Amino acid sequence: MKKIITLALVVCWVLTSYSQEIIELDETTLNFSPTGEIVFEDYQNGVLKVKETYQHQFQSNAIAFVNENFDIGRYREESGNLDGNIFITLRSPKGQLTAQFDHKNQLVNTNQKFKDVPLPFDVRNEVYAQFKGWTISKNRYFASGREANIDKEKYIVYLEKDKSREKIKITPSRSSVTGVATIEKF
C-alpha cells in the first residue's frame, strides 16, 4: 500500500511539473556605453576639461579615453588650426594628459600626470613585501610615450609608519626577467 501511495505522489508531482506553461519573453537588449565627455575650454592654449561618466574613467586609461572621446577634426575647426601640429591638455580633478597630434590627426606623443592612482596588483604586493608595516598615504603617477604606447612610467609613493615617512620611486618592469618593479628610496 505504501508503494502505491508513493508511486501516486511521484506521478502527480511529475505531471504537475510538466503541466507548467512556458512563457516566451521578447528579446531584450542591454546597452552600456560609459563614454565620457570632453568640454572645450580654452582653444588658444589647448586646455580641455574632462567630464567622466563614472569615477576614475579618465585616469584608468587616459590614452584610450582620448582616442574614444576626442574629436580632433572638430577641435581643429573650432581652434582655427586646420593644418599643423596640435598640443592639447586634458584635465580632470585627479590629473592631466598632454598630447600632441600631427597634421594627419595622428597621436604623436603623450605625457600623463595623475595623483592617487591605484598601484597595479603585483607592484603593490612588492611594495608591501619590502616595506612591511608601512601604509601608502598618497602617490603620484607619471607616464610618457609615443603614439598610443606608454614607454616610460613611474610612481612616486609616500609611505608612513608610526611617525616615520618615506618617499620611494617605483619603476614598473617591462620584462619578467628583472622582476615586477624597481623600487628605490627617493
N, C-alpha and C. Protein backbone atom coordinates (compact mmCIF):
# COMPACT_ATOMS: atom_id res chain seq x y z
N MET A 1 0.81 -1.18 0.00
CA MET A 1 0.00 0.00 0.00
C MET A 1 0.87 1.27 0.00
N LYS A 2 1.97 1.23 0.80
CA LYS A 2 2.87 2.38 0.86
C LYS A 2 3.49 2.64 -0.52
N LYS A 3 3.81 1.56 -1.23
CA LYS A 3 4.42 1.71 -2.54
C LYS A 3 3.44 2.35 -3.52
N ILE A 4 2.19 2.03 -3.44
CA ILE A 4 1.19 2.59 -4.35
C ILE A 4 0.99 4.07 -4.07
N ILE A 5 0.94 4.46 -2.81
CA ILE A 5 0.75 5.87 -2.44
C ILE A 5 2.00 6.66 -2.86
N THR A 6 3.19 6.12 -2.61
CA THR A 6 4.43 6.80 -3.01
C THR A 6 4.50 6.95 -4.52
N LEU A 7 4.11 5.89 -5.25
CA LEU A 7 4.10 5.95 -6.70
C LEU A 7 3.10 6.98 -7.21
N ALA A 8 1.94 7.06 -6.58
CA ALA A 8 0.91 8.03 -6.96
C ALA A 8 1.40 9.46 -6.73
N LEU A 9 2.07 9.69 -5.61
CA LEU A 9 2.61 11.03 -5.32
C LEU A 9 3.69 11.44 -6.33
N VAL A 10 4.56 10.50 -6.69
CA VAL A 10 5.61 10.79 -7.67
C VAL A 10 5.00 11.09 -9.03
N VAL A 11 3.99 10.31 -9.43
CA VAL A 11 3.33 10.53 -10.71
C VAL A 11 2.64 11.89 -10.72
N CYS A 12 1.97 12.24 -9.62
CA CYS A 12 1.32 13.57 -9.54
C CYS A 12 2.34 14.70 -9.62
N TRP A 13 3.46 14.50 -8.95
CA TRP A 13 4.49 15.54 -8.96
C TRP A 13 5.08 15.71 -10.35
N VAL A 14 5.33 14.60 -11.05
CA VAL A 14 5.87 14.65 -12.41
C VAL A 14 4.87 15.30 -13.35
N LEU A 15 3.60 14.92 -13.28
CA LEU A 15 2.59 15.51 -14.15
C LEU A 15 2.39 17.00 -13.86
N THR A 16 2.50 17.40 -12.61
CA THR A 16 2.38 18.81 -12.25
C THR A 16 3.54 19.61 -12.84
N SER A 17 4.74 19.04 -12.80
CA SER A 17 5.89 19.77 -13.35
C SER A 17 5.79 19.90 -14.87
N TYR A 18 5.19 18.93 -15.54
CA TYR A 18 5.02 19.03 -16.99
C TYR A 18 3.86 19.92 -17.38
N SER A 19 2.95 20.17 -16.47
CA SER A 19 1.79 20.98 -16.82
C SER A 19 2.09 22.47 -16.76
N GLN A 20 3.27 22.84 -16.34
CA GLN A 20 3.63 24.26 -16.27
C GLN A 20 3.68 24.83 -17.69
N GLU A 21 3.14 26.00 -17.85
CA GLU A 21 3.11 26.64 -19.15
C GLU A 21 4.39 27.46 -19.35
N ILE A 22 5.01 27.34 -20.51
CA ILE A 22 6.22 28.08 -20.81
C ILE A 22 5.83 29.40 -21.45
N ILE A 23 6.36 30.46 -20.89
CA ILE A 23 6.08 31.79 -21.42
C ILE A 23 7.35 32.30 -22.07
N GLU A 24 7.28 32.60 -23.34
CA GLU A 24 8.44 33.15 -24.04
C GLU A 24 8.39 34.67 -23.96
N LEU A 25 9.50 35.25 -23.58
CA LEU A 25 9.60 36.70 -23.46
C LEU A 25 10.28 37.26 -24.70
N ASP A 26 9.98 38.51 -24.99
CA ASP A 26 10.65 39.18 -26.10
C ASP A 26 12.12 39.38 -25.75
N GLU A 27 12.94 39.43 -26.79
CA GLU A 27 14.36 39.62 -26.60
C GLU A 27 14.63 41.02 -26.09
N THR A 28 15.51 41.12 -25.11
CA THR A 28 15.85 42.40 -24.53
C THR A 28 17.31 42.71 -24.85
N THR A 29 17.57 43.94 -25.20
CA THR A 29 18.92 44.36 -25.49
C THR A 29 19.36 45.34 -24.41
N LEU A 30 20.49 45.07 -23.80
CA LEU A 30 21.05 45.96 -22.80
C LEU A 30 22.28 46.63 -23.39
N ASN A 31 22.34 47.91 -23.25
CA ASN A 31 23.49 48.66 -23.76
C ASN A 31 24.16 49.37 -22.60
N PHE A 32 25.45 49.28 -22.54
CA PHE A 32 26.23 50.01 -21.56
C PHE A 32 27.33 50.73 -22.31
N SER A 33 27.21 52.01 -22.39
CA SER A 33 28.22 52.78 -23.10
C SER A 33 28.74 53.89 -22.19
N PRO A 34 29.74 53.57 -21.38
CA PRO A 34 30.28 54.55 -20.45
C PRO A 34 31.26 55.50 -21.13
N THR A 35 30.76 56.35 -21.97
CA THR A 35 31.66 57.29 -22.63
C THR A 35 31.62 58.61 -21.89
N GLY A 36 32.75 59.19 -21.76
CA GLY A 36 32.86 60.48 -21.10
C GLY A 36 32.66 61.60 -22.09
N GLU A 37 32.95 62.77 -21.61
CA GLU A 37 32.76 63.94 -22.45
C GLU A 37 33.95 64.86 -22.27
N ILE A 38 34.37 65.49 -23.34
CA ILE A 38 35.45 66.45 -23.28
C ILE A 38 34.85 67.82 -23.56
N VAL A 39 35.02 68.71 -22.60
CA VAL A 39 34.46 70.05 -22.71
C VAL A 39 35.57 70.99 -23.16
N PHE A 40 35.32 71.70 -24.25
CA PHE A 40 36.31 72.64 -24.76
C PHE A 40 36.29 73.90 -23.90
N GLU A 41 37.45 74.28 -23.42
CA GLU A 41 37.53 75.45 -22.55
C GLU A 41 38.33 76.59 -23.19
N ASP A 42 39.59 76.33 -23.47
CA ASP A 42 40.49 77.37 -23.94
C ASP A 42 41.15 76.89 -25.23
N TYR A 43 40.60 77.29 -26.38
CA TYR A 43 41.10 76.82 -27.67
C TYR A 43 42.50 77.32 -27.98
N GLN A 44 42.78 78.54 -27.60
CA GLN A 44 44.08 79.13 -27.94
C GLN A 44 45.23 78.38 -27.25
N ASN A 45 45.01 77.97 -26.01
CA ASN A 45 46.07 77.29 -25.26
C ASN A 45 45.91 75.77 -25.28
N GLY A 46 44.85 75.27 -25.86
CA GLY A 46 44.64 73.82 -25.96
C GLY A 46 44.28 73.15 -24.65
N VAL A 47 43.60 73.87 -23.76
CA VAL A 47 43.22 73.31 -22.47
C VAL A 47 41.79 72.82 -22.54
N LEU A 48 41.59 71.54 -22.22
CA LEU A 48 40.28 70.92 -22.27
C LEU A 48 39.97 70.30 -20.92
N LYS A 49 38.69 70.23 -20.59
CA LYS A 49 38.27 69.65 -19.32
C LYS A 49 37.53 68.36 -19.59
N VAL A 50 37.75 67.37 -18.75
CA VAL A 50 37.15 66.05 -18.91
C VAL A 50 35.95 65.92 -17.97
N LYS A 51 34.81 65.49 -18.52
CA LYS A 51 33.65 65.14 -17.71
C LYS A 51 33.50 63.62 -17.80
N GLU A 52 33.75 62.95 -16.70
CA GLU A 52 33.71 61.50 -16.68
C GLU A 52 32.29 60.99 -16.42
N THR A 53 31.96 59.88 -17.05
CA THR A 53 30.66 59.25 -16.83
C THR A 53 30.68 58.46 -15.52
N TYR A 54 31.81 57.86 -15.21
CA TYR A 54 31.96 57.14 -13.94
C TYR A 54 33.31 57.48 -13.35
N GLN A 55 33.48 57.23 -12.07
CA GLN A 55 34.67 57.63 -11.34
C GLN A 55 35.92 56.93 -11.88
N HIS A 56 37.00 57.66 -12.01
CA HIS A 56 38.30 57.18 -12.47
C HIS A 56 38.29 56.71 -13.93
N GLN A 57 37.33 57.13 -14.70
CA GLN A 57 37.26 56.72 -16.11
C GLN A 57 38.46 57.24 -16.89
N PHE A 58 38.80 58.50 -16.68
CA PHE A 58 39.89 59.12 -17.43
C PHE A 58 41.24 58.59 -16.98
N GLN A 59 41.49 58.55 -15.68
CA GLN A 59 42.82 58.18 -15.21
C GLN A 59 43.11 56.69 -15.35
N SER A 60 42.09 55.84 -15.48
CA SER A 60 42.35 54.41 -15.61
C SER A 60 43.03 54.09 -16.95
N ASN A 61 42.67 54.80 -18.01
CA ASN A 61 43.35 54.63 -19.29
C ASN A 61 43.15 55.91 -20.10
N ALA A 62 43.98 56.89 -19.84
CA ALA A 62 43.82 58.22 -20.41
C ALA A 62 43.96 58.23 -21.93
N ILE A 63 44.88 57.45 -22.47
CA ILE A 63 45.09 57.45 -23.92
C ILE A 63 43.88 56.86 -24.64
N ALA A 64 43.33 55.78 -24.12
CA ALA A 64 42.12 55.20 -24.71
C ALA A 64 40.95 56.16 -24.60
N PHE A 65 40.88 56.91 -23.49
CA PHE A 65 39.82 57.90 -23.31
C PHE A 65 39.89 58.98 -24.39
N VAL A 66 41.10 59.44 -24.68
CA VAL A 66 41.28 60.45 -25.72
C VAL A 66 40.89 59.89 -27.08
N ASN A 67 41.34 58.67 -27.38
CA ASN A 67 41.02 58.06 -28.68
C ASN A 67 39.52 57.85 -28.86
N GLU A 68 38.81 57.53 -27.80
CA GLU A 68 37.37 57.27 -27.90
C GLU A 68 36.52 58.53 -27.88
N ASN A 69 36.96 59.56 -27.16
CA ASN A 69 36.07 60.70 -26.89
C ASN A 69 36.51 62.04 -27.47
N PHE A 70 37.70 62.13 -28.02
CA PHE A 70 38.19 63.42 -28.52
C PHE A 70 38.05 63.47 -30.03
N ASP A 71 37.36 64.49 -30.52
CA ASP A 71 37.16 64.71 -31.94
C ASP A 71 38.18 65.75 -32.41
N ILE A 72 39.28 65.29 -32.96
CA ILE A 72 40.36 66.19 -33.38
C ILE A 72 39.93 67.09 -34.53
N GLY A 73 39.08 66.58 -35.41
CA GLY A 73 38.58 67.39 -36.53
C GLY A 73 37.77 68.58 -36.05
N ARG A 74 36.88 68.33 -35.11
CA ARG A 74 36.08 69.43 -34.55
C ARG A 74 36.97 70.43 -33.83
N TYR A 75 37.97 69.92 -33.10
CA TYR A 75 38.87 70.81 -32.39
C TYR A 75 39.65 71.69 -33.37
N ARG A 76 40.09 71.11 -34.49
CA ARG A 76 40.81 71.90 -35.49
C ARG A 76 39.92 73.03 -36.04
N GLU A 77 38.66 72.71 -36.32
CA GLU A 77 37.73 73.72 -36.82
C GLU A 77 37.50 74.83 -35.81
N GLU A 78 37.28 74.44 -34.55
CA GLU A 78 36.99 75.43 -33.51
C GLU A 78 38.20 76.30 -33.20
N SER A 79 39.40 75.71 -33.22
CA SER A 79 40.60 76.47 -32.87
C SER A 79 41.17 77.25 -34.05
N GLY A 80 40.80 76.87 -35.27
CA GLY A 80 41.32 77.56 -36.45
C GLY A 80 42.63 77.00 -36.96
N ASN A 81 43.17 75.99 -36.33
CA ASN A 81 44.42 75.35 -36.74
C ASN A 81 44.08 74.14 -37.61
N LEU A 82 43.93 74.37 -38.93
CA LEU A 82 43.47 73.30 -39.81
C LEU A 82 44.59 72.39 -40.29
N ASP A 83 45.83 72.87 -40.28
CA ASP A 83 46.95 72.01 -40.67
C ASP A 83 48.17 72.40 -39.85
N GLY A 84 48.74 71.45 -39.21
CA GLY A 84 49.87 71.68 -38.32
C GLY A 84 49.72 70.83 -37.07
N ASN A 85 50.75 70.87 -36.26
CA ASN A 85 50.70 70.10 -35.03
C ASN A 85 49.79 70.77 -34.00
N ILE A 86 49.12 69.96 -33.22
CA ILE A 86 48.23 70.47 -32.18
C ILE A 86 48.66 69.87 -30.85
N PHE A 87 48.76 70.72 -29.85
CA PHE A 87 49.06 70.30 -28.49
C PHE A 87 47.81 70.55 -27.65
N ILE A 88 47.35 69.53 -26.94
CA ILE A 88 46.19 69.70 -26.07
C ILE A 88 46.54 69.20 -24.67
N THR A 89 45.84 69.74 -23.68
CA THR A 89 45.97 69.29 -22.31
C THR A 89 44.57 68.99 -21.80
N LEU A 90 44.35 67.73 -21.45
CA LEU A 90 43.07 67.30 -20.90
C LEU A 90 43.22 67.23 -19.39
N ARG A 91 42.32 67.91 -18.67
CA ARG A 91 42.43 67.97 -17.22
C ARG A 91 41.21 67.36 -16.55
N SER A 92 41.47 66.68 -15.46
CA SER A 92 40.42 66.14 -14.60
C SER A 92 40.82 66.48 -13.17
N PRO A 93 39.94 66.25 -12.21
CA PRO A 93 40.31 66.56 -10.82
C PRO A 93 41.52 65.77 -10.30
N LYS A 94 41.81 64.61 -10.88
CA LYS A 94 42.92 63.78 -10.42
C LYS A 94 44.21 63.96 -11.21
N GLY A 95 44.21 64.72 -12.30
CA GLY A 95 45.44 64.89 -13.05
C GLY A 95 45.20 65.36 -14.46
N GLN A 96 46.20 65.14 -15.31
CA GLN A 96 46.10 65.64 -16.68
C GLN A 96 46.89 64.77 -17.65
N LEU A 97 46.52 64.90 -18.91
CA LEU A 97 47.22 64.26 -20.01
C LEU A 97 47.51 65.34 -21.04
N THR A 98 48.76 65.44 -21.47
CA THR A 98 49.15 66.35 -22.53
C THR A 98 49.45 65.50 -23.76
N ALA A 99 48.84 65.86 -24.88
CA ALA A 99 49.01 65.07 -26.10
C ALA A 99 49.35 65.97 -27.27
N GLN A 100 50.09 65.41 -28.22
CA GLN A 100 50.45 66.11 -29.46
C GLN A 100 49.90 65.31 -30.63
N PHE A 101 49.19 66.01 -31.53
CA PHE A 101 48.68 65.40 -32.76
C PHE A 101 49.39 66.05 -33.94
N ASP A 102 49.70 65.26 -34.98
CA ASP A 102 50.35 65.81 -36.16
C ASP A 102 49.30 66.32 -37.16
N HIS A 103 49.76 66.77 -38.32
CA HIS A 103 48.86 67.34 -39.33
C HIS A 103 47.91 66.30 -39.93
N LYS A 104 48.21 65.00 -39.76
CA LYS A 104 47.33 63.93 -40.25
C LYS A 104 46.36 63.45 -39.17
N ASN A 105 46.26 64.19 -38.07
CA ASN A 105 45.39 63.88 -36.94
C ASN A 105 45.78 62.59 -36.22
N GLN A 106 47.06 62.22 -36.29
CA GLN A 106 47.57 61.04 -35.60
C GLN A 106 48.21 61.47 -34.29
N LEU A 107 47.99 60.67 -33.26
CA LEU A 107 48.59 60.93 -31.95
C LEU A 107 50.09 60.70 -32.05
N VAL A 108 50.90 61.70 -31.69
CA VAL A 108 52.35 61.61 -31.81
C VAL A 108 52.96 61.17 -30.48
N ASN A 109 52.69 61.93 -29.41
CA ASN A 109 53.21 61.54 -28.10
C ASN A 109 52.30 62.06 -26.99
N THR A 110 52.49 61.49 -25.80
CA THR A 110 51.66 61.85 -24.65
C THR A 110 52.51 61.94 -23.39
N ASN A 111 52.05 62.74 -22.45
CA ASN A 111 52.61 62.83 -21.10
C ASN A 111 51.44 62.83 -20.14
N GLN A 112 51.55 62.02 -19.08
CA GLN A 112 50.48 61.91 -18.11
C GLN A 112 51.00 62.21 -16.71
N LYS A 113 50.17 62.86 -15.91
CA LYS A 113 50.46 63.12 -14.50
C LYS A 113 49.16 62.95 -13.75
N PHE A 114 49.13 62.00 -12.82
CA PHE A 114 47.93 61.77 -12.02
C PHE A 114 48.32 61.58 -10.56
N LYS A 115 47.40 61.86 -9.67
CA LYS A 115 47.64 61.63 -8.25
C LYS A 115 46.65 60.59 -7.73
N ASP A 116 47.10 59.87 -6.72
CA ASP A 116 46.30 58.83 -6.05
C ASP A 116 45.74 57.79 -7.02
N VAL A 117 46.61 57.26 -7.84
CA VAL A 117 46.26 56.20 -8.79
C VAL A 117 46.48 54.85 -8.10
N PRO A 118 45.53 53.93 -8.19
CA PRO A 118 45.78 52.62 -7.59
C PRO A 118 46.98 51.94 -8.26
N LEU A 119 47.87 51.42 -7.43
CA LEU A 119 49.04 50.72 -7.97
C LEU A 119 48.61 49.39 -8.57
N PRO A 120 49.28 48.93 -9.62
CA PRO A 120 49.00 47.59 -10.15
C PRO A 120 49.19 46.54 -9.05
N PHE A 121 48.44 45.48 -9.13
CA PHE A 121 48.40 44.45 -8.09
C PHE A 121 49.79 43.93 -7.73
N ASP A 122 50.58 43.53 -8.74
CA ASP A 122 51.90 42.97 -8.48
C ASP A 122 52.86 43.99 -7.86
N VAL A 123 52.78 45.22 -8.33
CA VAL A 123 53.64 46.28 -7.81
C VAL A 123 53.28 46.57 -6.35
N ARG A 124 52.00 46.65 -6.07
CA ARG A 124 51.54 46.92 -4.70
C ARG A 124 52.01 45.81 -3.76
N ASN A 125 51.92 44.56 -4.20
CA ASN A 125 52.37 43.46 -3.36
C ASN A 125 53.87 43.51 -3.10
N GLU A 126 54.64 43.92 -4.09
CA GLU A 126 56.08 44.03 -3.91
C GLU A 126 56.43 45.15 -2.93
N VAL A 127 55.70 46.26 -2.98
CA VAL A 127 55.93 47.35 -2.03
C VAL A 127 55.62 46.88 -0.62
N TYR A 128 54.51 46.21 -0.44
CA TYR A 128 54.15 45.73 0.89
C TYR A 128 55.13 44.67 1.39
N ALA A 129 55.71 43.88 0.50
CA ALA A 129 56.69 42.86 0.91
C ALA A 129 57.99 43.53 1.37
N GLN A 130 58.41 44.59 0.70
CA GLN A 130 59.66 45.25 1.07
C GLN A 130 59.50 46.21 2.23
N PHE A 131 58.30 46.76 2.41
CA PHE A 131 58.05 47.73 3.46
C PHE A 131 56.91 47.23 4.35
N LYS A 132 57.18 46.16 5.09
CA LYS A 132 56.16 45.56 5.94
C LYS A 132 55.80 46.52 7.07
N GLY A 133 54.50 46.66 7.29
CA GLY A 133 54.03 47.54 8.35
C GLY A 133 53.83 48.98 7.92
N TRP A 134 54.27 49.34 6.74
CA TRP A 134 54.11 50.69 6.23
C TRP A 134 52.78 50.79 5.48
N THR A 135 52.21 51.97 5.44
CA THR A 135 50.99 52.20 4.67
C THR A 135 51.25 53.28 3.63
N ILE A 136 50.58 53.16 2.51
CA ILE A 136 50.72 54.15 1.44
C ILE A 136 49.76 55.29 1.73
N SER A 137 50.30 56.48 1.92
CA SER A 137 49.45 57.63 2.24
C SER A 137 48.97 58.34 0.98
N LYS A 138 49.83 58.45 -0.01
CA LYS A 138 49.45 59.05 -1.31
C LYS A 138 50.48 58.65 -2.34
N ASN A 139 50.14 58.87 -3.60
CA ASN A 139 51.09 58.58 -4.66
C ASN A 139 50.82 59.48 -5.85
N ARG A 140 51.81 59.53 -6.71
CA ARG A 140 51.70 60.26 -7.98
C ARG A 140 52.20 59.35 -9.09
N TYR A 141 51.57 59.48 -10.25
CA TYR A 141 51.89 58.63 -11.40
C TYR A 141 52.32 59.52 -12.55
N PHE A 142 53.44 59.17 -13.17
CA PHE A 142 53.96 59.89 -14.33
C PHE A 142 54.20 58.89 -15.45
N ALA A 143 53.77 59.23 -16.65
CA ALA A 143 54.00 58.35 -17.80
C ALA A 143 54.16 59.18 -19.06
N SER A 144 54.93 58.65 -19.98
CA SER A 144 55.10 59.30 -21.28
C SER A 144 55.28 58.22 -22.33
N GLY A 145 54.99 58.59 -23.56
CA GLY A 145 55.15 57.61 -24.62
C GLY A 145 54.86 58.19 -25.98
N ARG A 146 55.11 57.37 -26.98
CA ARG A 146 54.85 57.73 -28.37
C ARG A 146 53.60 57.02 -28.83
N GLU A 147 52.84 57.72 -29.66
CA GLU A 147 51.58 57.22 -30.20
C GLU A 147 50.70 56.75 -29.04
N ALA A 148 50.12 55.58 -29.12
CA ALA A 148 49.22 55.10 -28.06
C ALA A 148 49.94 54.21 -27.06
N ASN A 149 51.27 54.19 -27.08
CA ASN A 149 52.06 53.34 -26.19
C ASN A 149 52.62 54.15 -25.02
N ILE A 150 52.82 53.46 -23.91
CA ILE A 150 53.49 54.07 -22.77
C ILE A 150 54.90 53.51 -22.73
N ASP A 151 55.90 54.39 -22.92
CA ASP A 151 57.29 53.96 -22.96
C ASP A 151 57.97 54.06 -21.60
N LYS A 152 57.64 55.10 -20.85
CA LYS A 152 58.23 55.30 -19.52
C LYS A 152 57.10 55.58 -18.54
N GLU A 153 57.19 54.95 -17.38
CA GLU A 153 56.23 55.24 -16.33
C GLU A 153 56.89 55.05 -14.98
N LYS A 154 56.43 55.83 -14.01
CA LYS A 154 56.95 55.71 -12.66
C LYS A 154 55.89 56.20 -11.67
N TYR A 155 56.01 55.69 -10.47
CA TYR A 155 55.16 56.08 -9.37
C TYR A 155 56.04 56.68 -8.28
N ILE A 156 55.62 57.79 -7.72
CA ILE A 156 56.25 58.33 -6.53
C ILE A 156 55.27 58.04 -5.41
N VAL A 157 55.70 57.23 -4.44
CA VAL A 157 54.82 56.75 -3.38
C VAL A 157 55.31 57.27 -2.04
N TYR A 158 54.38 57.76 -1.25
CA TYR A 158 54.66 58.25 0.08
C TYR A 158 54.17 57.20 1.09
N LEU A 159 55.08 56.73 1.94
CA LEU A 159 54.77 55.71 2.92
C LEU A 159 54.83 56.29 4.32
N GLU A 160 54.01 55.75 5.22
CA GLU A 160 54.01 56.18 6.61
C GLU A 160 53.98 54.97 7.52
N LYS A 161 54.72 55.09 8.62
CA LYS A 161 54.71 54.06 9.66
C LYS A 161 54.97 54.78 10.97
N ASP A 162 54.03 54.70 11.87
CA ASP A 162 54.09 55.43 13.14
C ASP A 162 54.27 56.92 12.81
N LYS A 163 55.41 57.50 13.17
CA LYS A 163 55.65 58.91 12.85
C LYS A 163 56.72 59.07 11.77
N SER A 164 57.14 57.95 11.20
CA SER A 164 58.16 57.98 10.15
C SER A 164 57.51 58.08 8.78
N ARG A 165 58.22 58.71 7.88
CA ARG A 165 57.75 58.84 6.50
C ARG A 165 58.87 58.49 5.54
N GLU A 166 58.50 57.86 4.45
CA GLU A 166 59.44 57.51 3.39
C GLU A 166 58.83 57.92 2.05
N LYS A 167 59.70 58.23 1.13
CA LYS A 167 59.29 58.55 -0.23
C LYS A 167 60.08 57.63 -1.14
N ILE A 168 59.36 56.84 -1.96
CA ILE A 168 60.04 55.89 -2.83
C ILE A 168 59.60 56.11 -4.27
N LYS A 169 60.49 55.71 -5.17
CA LYS A 169 60.19 55.77 -6.60
C LYS A 169 60.08 54.34 -7.11
N ILE A 170 58.98 54.05 -7.81
CA ILE A 170 58.74 52.72 -8.34
C ILE A 170 58.69 52.81 -9.86
N THR A 171 59.52 52.01 -10.51
CA THR A 171 59.51 51.93 -11.96
C THR A 171 59.08 50.52 -12.34
N PRO A 172 57.85 50.36 -12.86
CA PRO A 172 57.40 49.02 -13.24
C PRO A 172 58.30 48.45 -14.33
N SER A 173 58.58 47.15 -14.23
CA SER A 173 59.44 46.47 -15.20
C SER A 173 58.67 46.17 -16.48
N ARG A 174 59.38 46.18 -17.57
CA ARG A 174 58.80 45.83 -18.87
C ARG A 174 59.00 44.36 -19.20
N SER A 175 59.87 43.67 -18.43
CA SER A 175 60.09 42.25 -18.68
C SER A 175 60.02 41.49 -17.36
N SER A 176 59.67 40.24 -17.41
CA SER A 176 59.56 39.43 -16.20
C SER A 176 60.92 38.99 -15.67
N VAL A 177 61.98 39.16 -16.46
CA VAL A 177 63.32 38.75 -16.04
C VAL A 177 63.82 39.63 -14.91
N THR A 178 63.54 40.92 -14.97
CA THR A 178 64.05 41.85 -13.97
C THR A 178 63.13 41.97 -12.76
N GLY A 179 62.03 41.26 -12.71
CA GLY A 179 61.11 41.34 -11.59
C GLY A 179 59.91 42.20 -11.92
N VAL A 180 59.12 42.45 -10.91
CA VAL A 180 57.89 43.20 -11.10
C VAL A 180 58.17 44.69 -11.26
N ALA A 181 59.05 45.22 -10.38
CA ALA A 181 59.34 46.66 -10.41
C ALA A 181 60.66 46.94 -9.73
N THR A 182 61.20 48.10 -10.05
CA THR A 182 62.40 48.57 -9.37
C THR A 182 61.95 49.60 -8.34
N ILE A 183 62.31 49.34 -7.10
CA ILE A 183 61.92 50.23 -6.00
C ILE A 183 63.18 50.84 -5.42
N GLU A 184 63.20 52.17 -5.33
CA GLU A 184 64.35 52.84 -4.73
C GLU A 184 63.87 54.02 -3.90
N LYS A 185 64.62 54.29 -2.83
CA LYS A 185 64.26 55.43 -1.98
C LYS A 185 64.56 56.71 -2.74
N PHE A 186 63.72 57.65 -2.53
CA PHE A 186 63.78 58.89 -3.30
C PHE A 186 64.17 60.03 -2.43
